[in-house]
Amino acid sequence: MSAMQDRMTDTLYGLGWGAVKKLPEPVAAALGRTIADTAWKRRGKGVVRLEANLARVVPDAGPERLAELSQAGMRSYMRYWMESFRLPVWGTERLRRSVDIESIQRLHDGMADGRGVIMALPHLANWDLAGVWATRALGIPFTTVAERLKPETLYDRFVAYRESLGMEVLPHTGGSAFGTLARRLRDGGLVCLVADRDLSASGTEVKFFGETARMPAGPALLAQQTGALLLPVTLWYDGTVMRGRVHPSIEVPETGTRAEKTSVMTQALADAFATGIADHPEDWHMLQRLWLSDLEDRGETGEPRR
């Protein structure tokens, strides 16, 4: 990306954060749908990739059904952005009305035990909204990790934005994130990680909708090293409310090497993610290549995400 493109990208995101939150909510929602439908009709790389990914999630879907799902998926994706731009002006009561998470007692029980909790999520619905709900409605601060975006000024915007919402944000690169996360967990804290796509090319291979993909080993390794509770979480939109489910905890196997334990635990995470994605495929915002066969076809190891 050229310096001019970097500045333009940063400026556009800046306008989004500055302008969208000032719009009346119906206007912002309509704008999001218009942008989503325009992008869907143009069938750029992201839309084509989304449909290809959805074809694995819903293997019996024909072309018309996949088109419907991809359009709904783009609308869900733009809803994520419109909500995220507006989250800084949402009050606590609005947050409570907007989010309903099943089995949240699993989080409370884990925090009460003082062992630390890792919540691992796929790219479903709005994980930023879930995070703000945790910090403001539940009063539970947490630490997360963000990939370094280009331009650097855009990354700085994302970090400042998420920290303004009550999150501690660590850079994905640099090597110190794992140690800091482990310390937070040993202190009985909460760590939240989006974990359905490996960004390092050194993740753990799993079977995901019948094919091999690679997912981050971090959640499983942190649970092994610190004794923290590992909880998969899936989210979905239901009208004006975002719903979710905290799945049963993934325990550390009693036997096996660290690599073997990591493989078993990461596969269990993938299985929980697959359940949520299969139930709500239109809310899975995976516009990048995920399965190894797709990456190998292009000679790629990964692509940046937001």
Protein backbone atom coordinates (compact mmCIF):
# COMPACT_ATOMS: atom_id res chain seq x y z
CA MET A 1 0.00 0.00 0.00
CA SER A 2 1.41 3.39 -0.97
CA ALA A 3 1.79 6.27 1.46
CA MET A 4 -1.12 8.04 -0.24
CA GLN A 5 -3.32 4.94 0.07
CA ASP A 6 -2.30 4.63 3.72
CA ARG A 7 -3.37 8.21 4.41
CA MET A 8 -6.64 7.73 2.53
CA THR A 9 -7.46 4.53 4.43
CA ASP A 10 -6.72 6.19 7.76
CA THR A 11 -8.78 9.24 6.80
CA LEU A 12 -11.80 7.14 5.77
CA TYR A 13 -11.79 5.21 9.04
CA GLY A 14 -11.37 8.45 10.93
CA LEU A 15 -14.42 9.87 9.17
CA GLY A 16 -16.35 6.73 10.07
CA TRP A 17 -15.57 7.03 13.77
CA GLY A 18 -16.20 10.76 13.73
CA ALA A 19 -19.33 10.96 11.58
CA VAL A 20 -21.30 7.71 11.89
CA LYS A 21 -21.71 7.98 15.66
CA LYS A 22 -23.39 11.37 15.16
CA LEU A 23 -26.04 10.05 12.77
CA PRO A 24 -29.54 9.09 13.96
CA GLU A 25 -29.56 5.35 14.48
CA PRO A 26 -32.06 4.52 11.67
CA VAL A 27 -29.96 6.58 9.27
CA ALA A 28 -26.75 4.80 10.29
CA ALA A 29 -28.41 1.39 9.93
CA ALA A 30 -29.77 2.27 6.47
CA LEU A 31 -26.36 3.56 5.42
CA GLY A 32 -24.76 0.30 6.50
CA ARG A 33 -27.22 -1.77 4.49
CA THR A 34 -26.70 0.43 1.42
CA ILE A 35 -22.92 0.07 1.61
CA ALA A 36 -23.24 -3.68 2.15
CA ASP A 37 -25.60 -4.17 -0.79
CA THR A 38 -23.41 -2.05 -3.07
CA ALA A 39 -20.32 -4.07 -2.16
CA TRP A 40 -22.25 -7.32 -2.60
CA LYS A 41 -23.47 -6.36 -6.08
CA ARG A 42 -19.96 -5.46 -7.19
CA ARG A 43 -18.76 -8.96 -6.20
CA GLY A 44 -15.26 -7.98 -5.20
CA LYS A 45 -12.70 -10.39 -3.80
CA GLY A 46 -14.13 -10.28 -0.29
CA VAL A 47 -17.65 -11.17 -1.41
CA VAL A 48 -16.45 -13.98 -3.67
CA ARG A 49 -14.31 -15.37 -0.85
CA LEU A 50 -17.19 -15.12 1.61
CA GLU A 51 -19.40 -17.17 -0.70
CA ALA A 52 -16.66 -19.77 -1.16
CA ASN A 53 -16.28 -20.06 2.61
CA LEU A 54 -20.03 -20.29 3.12
CA ALA A 55 -20.19 -23.08 0.53
CA ARG A 56 -18.19 -25.23 2.98
CA VAL A 57 -20.38 -24.26 5.92
CA VAL A 58 -23.62 -24.96 4.02
CA PRO A 59 -22.52 -27.64 1.52
CA ASP A 60 -26.02 -28.38 0.23
CA ALA A 61 -26.73 -24.74 -0.65
CA GLY A 62 -27.21 -23.95 -4.31
CA PRO A 63 -26.09 -20.73 -6.05
CA GLU A 64 -29.24 -18.81 -5.10
CA ARG A 65 -28.99 -19.77 -1.43
CA LEU A 66 -25.29 -18.91 -1.33
CA ALA A 67 -26.04 -15.53 -2.89
CA GLU A 68 -28.71 -14.89 -0.24
CA LEU A 69 -26.30 -15.89 2.51
CA SER A 70 -23.47 -13.74 1.18
CA GLN A 71 -25.74 -10.70 0.91
CA ALA A 72 -26.97 -11.27 4.46
CA GLY A 73 -23.35 -11.79 5.47
CA MET A 74 -22.27 -8.46 4.02
CA ARG A 75 -25.14 -6.73 5.80
CA SER A 76 -24.09 -8.38 9.06
CA TYR A 77 -20.49 -7.35 8.44
CA MET A 78 -21.47 -3.72 7.85
CA ARG A 79 -23.70 -3.83 10.92
CA TYR A 80 -20.56 -4.74 12.85
CA TRP A 81 -18.83 -1.61 11.55
CA MET A 82 -21.77 0.73 12.07
CA GLU A 83 -22.24 -0.52 15.63
CA SER A 84 -18.53 -0.32 16.34
CA PHE A 85 -18.32 3.27 15.13
CA ARG A 86 -21.22 4.12 17.45
CA LEU A 87 -20.25 2.12 20.56
CA PRO A 88 -18.44 5.04 22.24
CA VAL A 89 -21.77 6.89 22.59
CA TRP A 90 -23.82 3.91 23.81
CA GLY A 91 -24.82 4.05 27.47
CA THR A 92 -24.87 1.11 29.86
CA GLU A 93 -28.63 0.63 29.61
CA ARG A 94 -28.44 0.55 25.84
CA LEU A 95 -25.73 -2.11 26.09
CA ARG A 96 -27.82 -4.22 28.42
CA ARG A 97 -30.80 -4.06 26.06
CA SER A 98 -28.66 -4.96 23.07
CA VAL A 99 -26.86 -8.08 24.32
CA ASP A 100 -28.14 -11.37 25.73
CA ILE A 101 -25.60 -14.14 26.41
CA GLU A 102 -26.68 -17.65 27.40
CA SER A 103 -24.78 -19.45 30.18
CA ILE A 104 -22.86 -16.32 31.18
CA GLN A 105 -22.74 -17.87 34.65
CA ARG A 106 -19.82 -19.96 33.38
CA LEU A 107 -17.80 -16.76 33.13
CA HIS A 108 -18.89 -15.57 36.56
CA ASP A 109 -18.06 -18.93 38.14
CA GLY A 110 -14.61 -18.95 36.54
CA MET A 111 -13.86 -15.43 37.72
CA ALA A 112 -15.07 -16.28 41.23
CA ASP A 113 -12.66 -19.23 41.34
CA GLY A 114 -9.79 -16.79 40.80
CA ARG A 115 -8.11 -19.04 38.25
CA GLY A 116 -8.44 -16.64 35.32
CA VAL A 117 -10.68 -17.09 32.28
CA ILE A 118 -9.91 -17.24 28.56
CA MET A 119 -12.87 -16.56 26.28
CA ALA A 120 -12.19 -17.58 22.68
CA LEU A 121 -14.49 -16.39 19.87
CA PRO A 122 -14.77 -16.74 16.10
CA HIS A 123 -15.48 -13.80 13.79
CA LEU A 124 -19.22 -13.98 14.46
CA ALA A 125 -21.51 -10.94 14.80
CA ASN A 126 -19.86 -8.19 16.89
CA TRP A 127 -17.11 -9.25 19.29
CA ASP A 128 -16.35 -5.60 20.06
CA LEU A 129 -19.93 -5.14 21.28
CA ALA A 130 -19.57 -8.26 23.42
CA GLY A 131 -16.37 -6.83 24.87
CA VAL A 132 -17.93 -3.47 25.73
CA TRP A 133 -20.88 -5.28 27.29
CA ALA A 134 -18.45 -7.25 29.47
CA THR A 135 -16.56 -4.17 30.62
CA ARG A 136 -19.50 -1.82 31.14
CA ALA A 137 -22.58 -3.97 31.81
CA LEU A 138 -20.81 -6.73 33.74
CA GLY A 139 -17.99 -4.61 35.12
CA ILE A 140 -15.32 -7.14 34.07
CA PRO A 141 -12.23 -5.61 32.41
CA PHE A 142 -10.20 -7.81 30.07
CA THR A 143 -7.09 -8.02 27.95
CA THR A 144 -7.04 -8.82 24.25
CA VAL A 145 -4.65 -8.88 21.30
CA ALA A 146 -4.89 -6.90 18.05
CA GLU A 147 -2.97 -7.49 14.86
CA ARG A 148 -0.85 -4.64 13.61
CA LEU A 149 -2.71 -2.94 10.78
CA LYS A 150 -1.31 -0.79 8.00
CA PRO A 151 -1.00 2.11 8.05
CA GLU A 152 0.36 2.33 11.60
CA THR A 153 -1.90 5.32 12.26
CA LEU A 154 -4.93 3.09 11.60
CA TYR A 155 -3.63 0.53 14.10
CA ASP A 156 -3.22 3.35 16.61
CA ARG A 157 -6.83 4.38 16.00
CA PHE A 158 -8.05 0.82 16.68
CA VAL A 159 -6.02 0.53 19.87
CA ALA A 160 -7.18 3.94 21.14
CA TYR A 161 -10.79 3.09 20.25
CA ARG A 162 -10.77 -0.27 22.02
CA GLU A 163 -8.94 1.08 25.04
CA SER A 164 -11.52 3.87 25.30
CA LEU A 165 -14.12 1.11 25.62
CA GLY A 166 -12.33 -0.43 28.59
CA MET A 167 -10.14 -3.06 26.95
CA GLU A 168 -6.40 -3.56 27.43
CA VAL A 169 -5.01 -4.13 23.93
CA LEU A 170 -1.67 -5.83 23.19
CA PRO A 171 -0.02 -5.97 19.75
CA HIS A 172 -0.13 -9.37 18.06
CA THR A 173 3.49 -9.07 16.97
CA GLY A 174 6.52 -8.32 19.08
CA GLY A 175 6.72 -11.48 21.18
CA SER A 176 5.63 -10.09 24.55
CA ALA A 177 1.86 -10.56 24.26
CA PHE A 178 1.80 -14.18 25.44
CA GLY A 179 3.75 -13.41 28.61
CA THR A 180 1.51 -10.46 29.47
CA LEU A 181 -1.63 -12.52 28.85
CA ALA A 182 -0.28 -15.28 31.10
CA ARG A 183 0.37 -12.77 33.88
CA ARG A 184 -3.15 -11.35 33.60
CA LEU A 185 -4.59 -14.86 33.87
CA ARG A 186 -2.44 -15.81 36.85
CA ASP A 187 -3.76 -12.68 38.55
CA GLY A 188 -7.29 -14.01 38.04
CA GLY A 189 -8.13 -11.76 35.08
CA LEU A 190 -10.11 -12.22 31.87
CA VAL A 191 -8.51 -12.62 28.43
CA CYS A 192 -10.63 -12.51 25.25
CA LEU A 193 -9.22 -13.74 21.94
CA VAL A 194 -10.70 -13.99 18.43
CA ALA A 195 -9.36 -17.41 17.50
CA ASP A 196 -10.83 -18.90 14.33
CA ARG A 197 -8.02 -17.89 11.97
CA ASP A 198 -4.28 -18.18 12.51
CA LEU A 199 -2.27 -15.06 11.71
CA SER A 200 1.18 -16.49 12.36
CA ALA A 201 1.28 -19.48 9.96
CA SER A 202 2.43 -21.54 12.95
CA GLY A 203 -0.95 -22.43 14.41
CA THR A 204 -2.53 -25.80 15.06
CA GLU A 205 -4.17 -27.78 12.28
CA VAL A 206 -7.82 -28.72 12.86
CA LYS A 207 -10.64 -30.30 10.94
CA PHE A 208 -13.18 -27.58 10.27
CA PHE A 209 -16.32 -28.35 8.28
CA GLY A 210 -14.62 -31.45 6.92
CA GLU A 211 -11.38 -29.83 5.73
CA THR A 212 -8.06 -28.86 7.28
CA ALA A 213 -7.63 -25.32 8.58
CA ARG A 214 -5.14 -23.72 10.94
CA MET A 215 -6.22 -22.00 14.15
CA PRO A 216 -4.22 -20.20 16.84
CA ALA A 217 -2.63 -22.36 19.52
CA GLY A 218 -2.59 -19.46 21.98
CA PRO A 219 -5.84 -20.17 23.88
CA ALA A 220 -4.91 -23.80 24.52
CA LEU A 221 -1.31 -22.97 25.45
CA LEU A 222 -2.41 -20.23 27.85
CA ALA A 223 -4.86 -22.60 29.56
CA GLN A 224 -2.13 -25.24 29.95
CA GLN A 225 0.47 -22.83 31.26
CA THR A 226 -1.71 -20.88 33.68
CA GLY A 227 -4.54 -23.22 34.68
CA ALA A 228 -7.09 -20.71 33.40
CA LEU A 229 -10.57 -21.77 32.36
CA LEU A 230 -10.98 -21.93 28.55
CA LEU A 231 -14.49 -21.03 27.38
CA PRO A 232 -15.59 -20.97 23.71
CA VAL A 233 -18.14 -18.26 22.90
CA THR A 234 -20.32 -17.87 19.81
CA LEU A 235 -22.45 -14.85 18.88
CA TRP A 236 -25.27 -14.07 16.47
CA TYR A 237 -27.70 -11.31 15.60
CA ASP A 238 -31.40 -11.68 16.39
CA GLY A 239 -33.25 -8.60 15.24
CA THR A 240 -32.08 -5.62 17.27
CA VAL A 241 -30.36 -7.84 19.87
CA MET A 242 -27.05 -9.64 19.66
CA ARG A 243 -27.28 -13.01 21.34
CA GLY A 244 -24.54 -15.40 22.32
CA ARG A 245 -23.66 -18.57 24.10
CA VAL A 246 -20.84 -19.44 26.47
CA HIS A 247 -20.07 -23.08 25.69
CA PRO A 248 -18.86 -25.64 28.26
CA SER A 249 -15.21 -25.25 29.22
CA ILE A 250 -12.46 -27.08 27.36
CA GLU A 251 -10.34 -28.97 29.84
CA VAL A 252 -6.63 -29.73 29.54
CA PRO A 253 -6.16 -33.45 28.72
CA GLU A 254 -4.58 -35.44 31.53
CA THR A 255 -2.08 -37.19 29.27
CA GLY A 256 -0.02 -36.38 26.20
CA THR A 257 2.73 -33.98 25.20
CA ARG A 258 2.12 -30.25 25.16
CA ALA A 259 1.68 -30.38 21.38
CA GLU A 260 -0.80 -33.27 21.67
CA LYS A 261 -2.80 -31.49 24.35
CA THR A 262 -2.82 -28.31 22.29
CA SER A 263 -4.09 -30.21 19.26
CA VAL A 264 -6.96 -31.80 21.20
CA MET A 265 -7.99 -28.52 22.83
CA THR A 266 -7.80 -26.47 19.64
CA GLN A 267 -9.90 -29.06 17.83
CA ALA A 268 -12.49 -28.79 20.61
CA LEU A 269 -12.51 -25.02 20.11
CA ALA A 270 -12.95 -25.46 16.36
CA ASP A 271 -15.87 -27.82 16.96
CA ALA A 272 -17.60 -25.29 19.23
CA PHE A 273 -17.02 -22.53 16.67
CA ALA A 274 -18.40 -24.75 13.91
CA THR A 275 -21.60 -25.29 15.88
CA GLY A 276 -22.20 -21.57 16.20
CA ILE A 277 -21.22 -20.80 12.61
CA ALA A 278 -23.42 -23.57 11.19
CA ASP A 279 -26.40 -22.24 13.16
CA HIS A 280 -25.81 -18.64 12.00
CA PRO A 281 -23.66 -18.69 8.83
CA GLU A 282 -24.83 -15.23 7.75
CA ASP A 283 -23.12 -13.71 10.80
CA TRP A 284 -19.68 -15.24 10.15
CA HIS A 285 -17.49 -12.44 8.82
CA MET A 286 -14.81 -14.51 7.12
CA LEU A 287 -13.91 -12.64 3.94
CA GLN A 288 -10.41 -14.16 3.78
CA ARG A 289 -8.94 -17.52 2.90
CA LEU A 290 -9.06 -19.92 5.82
CA TRP A 291 -8.66 -23.54 4.72
CA LEU A 292 -5.17 -24.76 3.92
CA SER A 293 -6.13 -25.94 0.45
CA ASP A 294 -7.12 -22.37 -0.45
CA LEU A 295 -3.94 -20.92 1.02
CA GLU A 296 -1.76 -23.45 -0.78
CA ASP A 297 -3.48 -22.69 -4.08
CA ARG A 298 -2.24 -19.11 -3.77
CA GLY A 299 1.03 -19.86 -1.97
CA GLU A 300 -0.20 -17.80 0.98
CA THR A 301 0.19 -18.24 4.71
CA GLY A 302 -2.32 -15.64 5.78
CA GLU A 303 -3.95 -12.29 5.17
CA PRO A 304 -4.44 -9.37 7.54
CA ARG A 305 -7.72 -8.84 9.31
CA ARG A 306 -9.23 -5.92 11.09
